[in-house]
Protein backbone atom coordinates (compact mmCIF):
# COMPACT_ATOMS: atom_id res chain seq x y z
CA MET A 1 109.62 138.07 79.51
CA ARG A 2 112.46 135.89 78.38
CA ALA A 3 112.70 137.20 74.80
CA THR A 4 113.73 140.77 75.54
CA THR A 5 116.89 140.88 73.41
CA ALA A 6 117.55 139.72 69.88
CA ALA A 7 118.18 136.02 69.53
CA PRO A 8 121.29 134.91 67.62
CA GLY A 9 120.71 135.37 63.91
CA LEU A 10 118.15 138.18 64.27
CA ARG A 11 118.97 141.50 62.69
CA GLN A 12 117.43 144.51 64.42
CA SER A 13 116.84 146.18 61.03
CA ASP A 14 114.36 143.42 60.08
CA THR A 15 111.02 144.60 61.50
CA ILE A 16 108.81 141.83 60.11
CA LYS A 17 109.96 138.49 58.74
CA ILE A 18 108.92 134.97 57.94
CA ALA A 19 110.80 132.84 60.44
CA THR A 20 112.74 130.12 58.63
CA SER A 21 115.83 129.57 60.79
CA MET A 22 115.93 127.87 64.18
CA ALA A 23 117.10 131.17 65.72
CA ASN A 24 113.99 132.95 64.44
CA LEU A 25 111.72 130.06 65.35
CA ARG A 26 113.12 129.87 68.88
CA ALA A 27 112.47 133.59 69.27
CA SER A 28 108.94 133.32 67.82
CA LEU A 29 107.75 130.17 69.54
CA GLY A 30 109.56 131.19 72.73
CA LEU A 31 107.51 134.40 72.80
CA ALA A 32 104.34 132.36 72.31
CA TYR A 33 105.35 129.92 75.06
CA ASP A 34 106.06 132.70 77.56
CA ALA A 35 102.77 134.48 76.80
CA TYR A 36 100.71 131.29 77.00
CA ARG A 37 102.41 130.22 80.22
CA LYS A 38 101.78 133.62 81.78
CA GLY A 39 98.11 133.31 80.87
CA GLY A 40 97.85 129.74 82.18
CA LEU A 41 97.02 128.50 78.67
CA THR A 42 99.69 125.81 78.31
CA THR A 43 101.76 123.46 80.44
CA PRO A 44 105.52 123.85 80.99
CA ASN A 45 107.92 121.97 78.74
CA SER A 46 111.65 121.55 78.39
CA SER A 47 112.06 123.36 75.07
CA ARG A 48 110.28 126.52 76.33
CA MET A 49 108.70 126.83 72.90
CA ARG A 50 105.05 126.52 71.90
CA ILE A 51 105.40 123.89 69.20
CA THR A 52 102.14 122.36 67.97
CA PRO A 53 101.66 119.44 65.56
CA TYR A 54 100.93 122.04 62.88
CA HIS A 55 104.43 123.49 63.23
CA LEU A 56 105.81 120.16 62.00
CA LEU A 57 104.23 120.72 58.59
CA PRO A 58 105.70 122.84 55.79
CA THR A 59 102.25 124.37 55.28
CA THR A 60 102.50 126.31 58.55
CA GLU A 61 104.29 129.65 58.46
CA VAL A 62 105.63 131.55 61.47
CA PHE A 63 105.87 135.35 61.36
CA LEU A 64 108.07 137.36 63.71
CA GLY A 65 108.12 141.07 64.50
CA VAL A 66 111.12 142.75 66.11
CA ASP A 67 111.94 146.30 67.17
CA GLU A 68 115.07 147.91 68.55
CA SER A 69 114.72 145.92 71.80
CA GLY A 70 114.39 142.51 70.14
CA PRO A 71 111.52 140.09 69.43
CA VAL A 72 108.14 141.74 70.05
CA CYS A 73 105.38 139.60 68.54
CA THR A 74 104.67 136.43 66.61
CA LEU A 75 101.86 134.77 64.69
CA SER A 76 101.64 131.34 63.07
CA MET A 77 99.54 130.94 59.93
CA VAL A 78 98.28 127.39 59.53
CA HIS A 79 97.14 126.46 56.02
CA ASP A 80 94.18 124.08 55.94
CA GLY A 81 95.56 120.63 55.16
CA LYS A 82 95.89 117.06 56.39
CA LEU A 83 95.56 117.97 60.06
CA GLY A 84 92.83 120.51 59.41
CA LEU A 85 92.93 123.71 61.46
CA PRO A 86 93.73 124.14 65.18
CA MET A 87 90.35 125.72 66.01
CA GLU A 88 88.47 122.88 64.31
CA ASN A 89 88.10 120.89 67.53
CA THR A 90 85.94 123.71 68.85
CA PHE A 91 84.30 125.15 65.72
CA SER A 92 84.15 122.09 63.46
CA GLY A 93 80.69 122.77 62.04
CA GLU A 94 81.47 126.30 60.94
CA ILE A 95 84.74 125.27 59.28
CA ALA A 96 83.06 122.32 57.57
CA GLU A 97 80.54 124.73 56.04
CA LEU A 98 83.32 126.92 54.66
CA ARG A 99 85.02 123.89 53.11
CA LYS A 100 81.73 122.65 51.67
CA ALA A 101 81.29 126.03 49.98
CA GLY A 102 84.74 125.63 48.40
CA PHE A 103 86.54 128.32 50.40
CA ARG A 104 90.28 128.04 51.06
CA CYS A 105 91.08 128.97 54.67
CA ALA A 106 94.08 129.58 56.87
CA GLU A 107 94.09 130.12 60.62
CA GLY A 108 96.03 132.73 62.53
CA SER A 109 97.30 130.83 65.57
CA CYS A 110 99.75 131.25 68.46
CA LEU A 111 99.50 135.04 68.37
CA ALA A 112 101.63 136.45 71.16
CA TYR A 113 103.41 139.67 72.00
CA ARG A 114 105.79 140.85 74.68
CA LEU A 115 103.78 142.31 77.53
CA GLY A 116 104.55 145.79 78.79
CA GLY A 117 105.75 146.97 75.39
CA SER A 118 105.90 150.56 74.21
CA GLU A 119 103.82 152.32 71.56
CA THR A 120 106.58 151.36 69.14
CA SER A 121 106.03 147.72 70.09
CA PHE A 122 102.29 148.03 69.39
CA ALA A 123 103.15 149.50 65.99
CA THR A 124 105.23 146.38 65.32
CA VAL A 125 102.26 144.16 66.24
CA ALA A 126 100.08 146.12 63.79
CA LYS A 127 102.73 145.69 61.07
CA LEU A 128 102.86 141.96 61.78
CA MET A 129 99.09 141.62 61.38
CA SER A 130 99.20 143.62 58.15
CA PHE A 131 102.01 141.44 56.80
CA ALA A 132 100.13 138.22 57.69
CA ILE A 133 96.95 139.41 55.96
CA GLN A 134 98.88 140.37 52.83
CA CYS A 135 100.66 137.00 52.86
CA ALA A 136 97.34 135.15 53.07
CA ALA A 137 95.89 137.21 50.22
CA HIS A 138 99.05 136.59 48.15
CA ARG A 139 98.55 132.83 48.68
CA GLU A 140 94.98 133.23 47.40
CA PHE A 141 93.18 132.16 50.56
CA ASP A 142 89.56 133.21 50.87
CA TYR A 143 89.50 133.60 54.65
CA ILE A 144 91.80 133.98 57.61
CA LEU A 145 90.16 132.46 60.69
CA LEU A 146 90.91 133.31 64.31
CA ALA A 147 89.92 131.87 67.68
CA VAL A 148 90.32 134.66 70.24
CA HIS A 149 89.23 135.48 73.76
CA PRO A 150 85.80 137.17 73.73
CA ARG A 151 87.17 140.41 75.15
CA HIS A 152 89.67 140.70 72.27
CA ALA A 153 87.18 140.09 69.46
CA PRO A 154 85.88 143.71 69.21
CA PHE A 155 89.44 144.89 68.56
CA TYR A 156 89.86 142.67 65.49
CA CYS A 157 86.42 143.62 64.20
CA ARG A 158 86.96 147.35 64.67
CA PHE A 159 90.64 147.50 63.73
CA TYR A 160 90.73 145.11 60.76
CA GLY A 161 87.12 144.53 59.74
CA ALA A 162 86.88 140.93 60.94
CA GLU A 163 83.46 139.32 61.40
CA TYR A 164 82.09 136.66 63.72
CA LEU A 165 82.12 133.16 62.26
CA ALA A 166 80.01 131.63 65.05
CA ASP A 167 77.65 132.89 67.72
CA GLY A 168 78.87 132.91 71.31
CA ALA A 169 82.00 131.74 73.08
CA GLN A 170 83.03 128.11 73.44
CA PRO A 171 85.58 126.37 75.70
CA HIS A 172 88.65 126.04 73.47
CA GLU A 173 90.70 122.89 73.88
CA ALA A 174 93.89 124.47 72.50
CA VAL A 175 94.05 126.87 75.47
CA HIS A 176 93.03 124.55 78.31
CA GLY A 177 89.32 125.18 77.89
CA SER A 178 89.47 128.97 78.11
CA PRO A 179 86.61 130.69 76.26
CA ALA A 180 87.10 131.61 72.62
CA VAL A 181 85.03 133.11 69.84
CA ALA A 182 85.56 132.39 66.16
CA LEU A 183 86.29 135.24 63.75
CA LYS A 184 86.74 135.34 59.98
CA PHE A 185 88.49 137.86 57.80
CA ASN A 186 87.27 137.86 54.21
CA LEU A 187 90.28 138.26 51.91
CA LYS A 188 88.09 138.52 48.81
CA GLN A 189 86.05 141.39 50.24
CA LEU A 190 88.58 143.65 51.88
CA PRO A 191 87.49 146.77 53.77
CA PRO A 192 86.65 149.67 51.42
CA ALA A 193 89.66 151.52 50.03
CA GLY A 194 90.20 154.65 52.09
CA SER A 195 88.66 153.17 55.25
CA ARG A 196 90.72 153.04 58.43
CA SER A 197 90.84 149.24 58.34
CA TYR A 198 92.10 149.26 54.74
CA LYS A 199 94.77 151.82 55.56
CA ARG A 200 95.94 149.74 58.53
CA ILE A 201 96.27 146.63 56.38
CA PHE A 202 98.05 148.39 53.52
CA ALA A 203 99.98 151.08 55.39
CA VAL A 204 102.98 149.28 53.90
CA ARG A 205 102.44 147.41 50.65
CA HIS A 206 104.79 144.44 50.61
CA SER A 207 106.29 143.21 47.37
CA ALA A 208 105.76 139.74 45.93
CA THR A 209 109.35 138.96 46.88
CA GLU A 210 108.71 139.88 50.52
CA LEU A 211 105.49 137.85 50.57
CA LYS A 212 107.00 134.81 48.87
CA TYR A 213 106.20 131.48 50.51
CA ARG A 214 109.31 130.17 52.26
CA PRO A 215 108.88 126.58 53.50
CA LEU A 216 111.09 125.41 56.31
CA ARG A 217 114.12 123.38 55.35
CA PRO A 218 113.95 119.64 56.16
CA ALA A 219 116.66 120.02 58.81
CA VAL A 220 114.68 122.74 60.59
CA LEU A 221 111.46 120.69 60.45
CA ALA A 222 113.37 117.72 61.83
CA GLU A 223 114.66 119.80 64.76
CA LEU A 224 111.17 121.11 65.52
CA GLU A 225 109.91 117.55 65.40
CA ARG A 226 112.63 116.37 67.77
CA LEU A 227 111.72 119.09 70.27
CA TYR A 228 108.00 118.39 69.91
CA VAL A 229 108.46 114.67 70.51
CA GLN A 230 110.66 115.48 73.51
CA ASP A 231 107.99 117.78 74.96
CA ASN A 232 105.00 115.55 74.14
CA ALA A 233 106.33 112.01 74.21
CA ARG A 234 103.01 110.46 75.26
CA GLU A 235 100.57 112.69 73.40
CA THR A 236 98.56 111.80 70.33
CA VAL A 237 97.92 114.04 67.36
CA PRO A 238 94.21 114.61 66.47
CA PHE A 239 93.06 114.08 62.91
CA THR A 240 90.04 115.78 61.38
CA GLU A 241 88.26 112.51 60.60
CA GLY A 242 88.17 111.46 64.24
CA ARG A 243 91.25 109.25 64.05
CA GLU A 244 94.29 109.50 66.27
CA ARG A 245 97.89 108.48 65.75
CA SER A 246 100.97 108.72 67.88
CA VAL A 247 103.56 111.43 67.39
CA GLU A 248 105.94 108.79 66.05
CA ALA A 249 103.43 107.61 63.44
CA ASN A 250 102.62 111.17 62.40
CA ARG A 251 106.17 112.37 61.89
CA PHE A 252 106.35 111.71 58.14
CA ASP A 253 102.95 113.15 57.24
CA ARG A 254 104.49 116.51 56.43
CA ARG A 255 105.81 115.06 53.14
CA GLU A 256 102.22 114.70 51.91
CA ASN A 257 101.26 118.31 52.55
CA ARG A 258 101.76 120.50 49.49
CA ILE A 259 100.91 124.08 48.63
CA ALA A 260 100.85 125.79 45.25
CA VAL A 261 101.98 129.42 45.38
């Protein structure tokens, strides 16, 4: 795939990081773009990055894992906010029930990894997942939600203790109608201490400093927005209340999204 060497600004010694610079974001969202294109899950664009409307908000975080060969894996964590959650178009009822019960949720989205990687690369993916779960717990979310292909769901359930949020697979709009199942990971009821799942999550216990929320700088958000508008000039951005607005009209909404950490 394209991202086989470190992008400018990436240090090989940094295994897992929160992507805050354009160099890191290009590496992360470029990995996601390549993986989604290979799977036929997205259309080509000029930026060669998978930038969604949620990436234009400071309440979305992008995590990047690298090994000695360069960028290996990425995951975006979307905090529930003004635009809702990416999987809501498909699993709206289930997410509405969680909100009604007062639960704070985040969605793991745009998970991608370099295909054909080594065992070391898989270890980096596992570290990335562990870091994301610890970040979500540190931000006091109740659940991490995932929309994954049905054949991948047993892995998350067995490896990390995830549970099904909804019965059966549904065509998922975010990936061109490919089937997806909804999973939830309960951050308030972690796997029992000493279990394999618990050990995988906390194989490395990250400090509060490492887990600190790092919003993107306005200049970086503006550049992501420019690229998104360039790639999706005629698209509209869905809102959770059934409304739609153009990309141009939506561009300043990120100022209204806030998070307390």
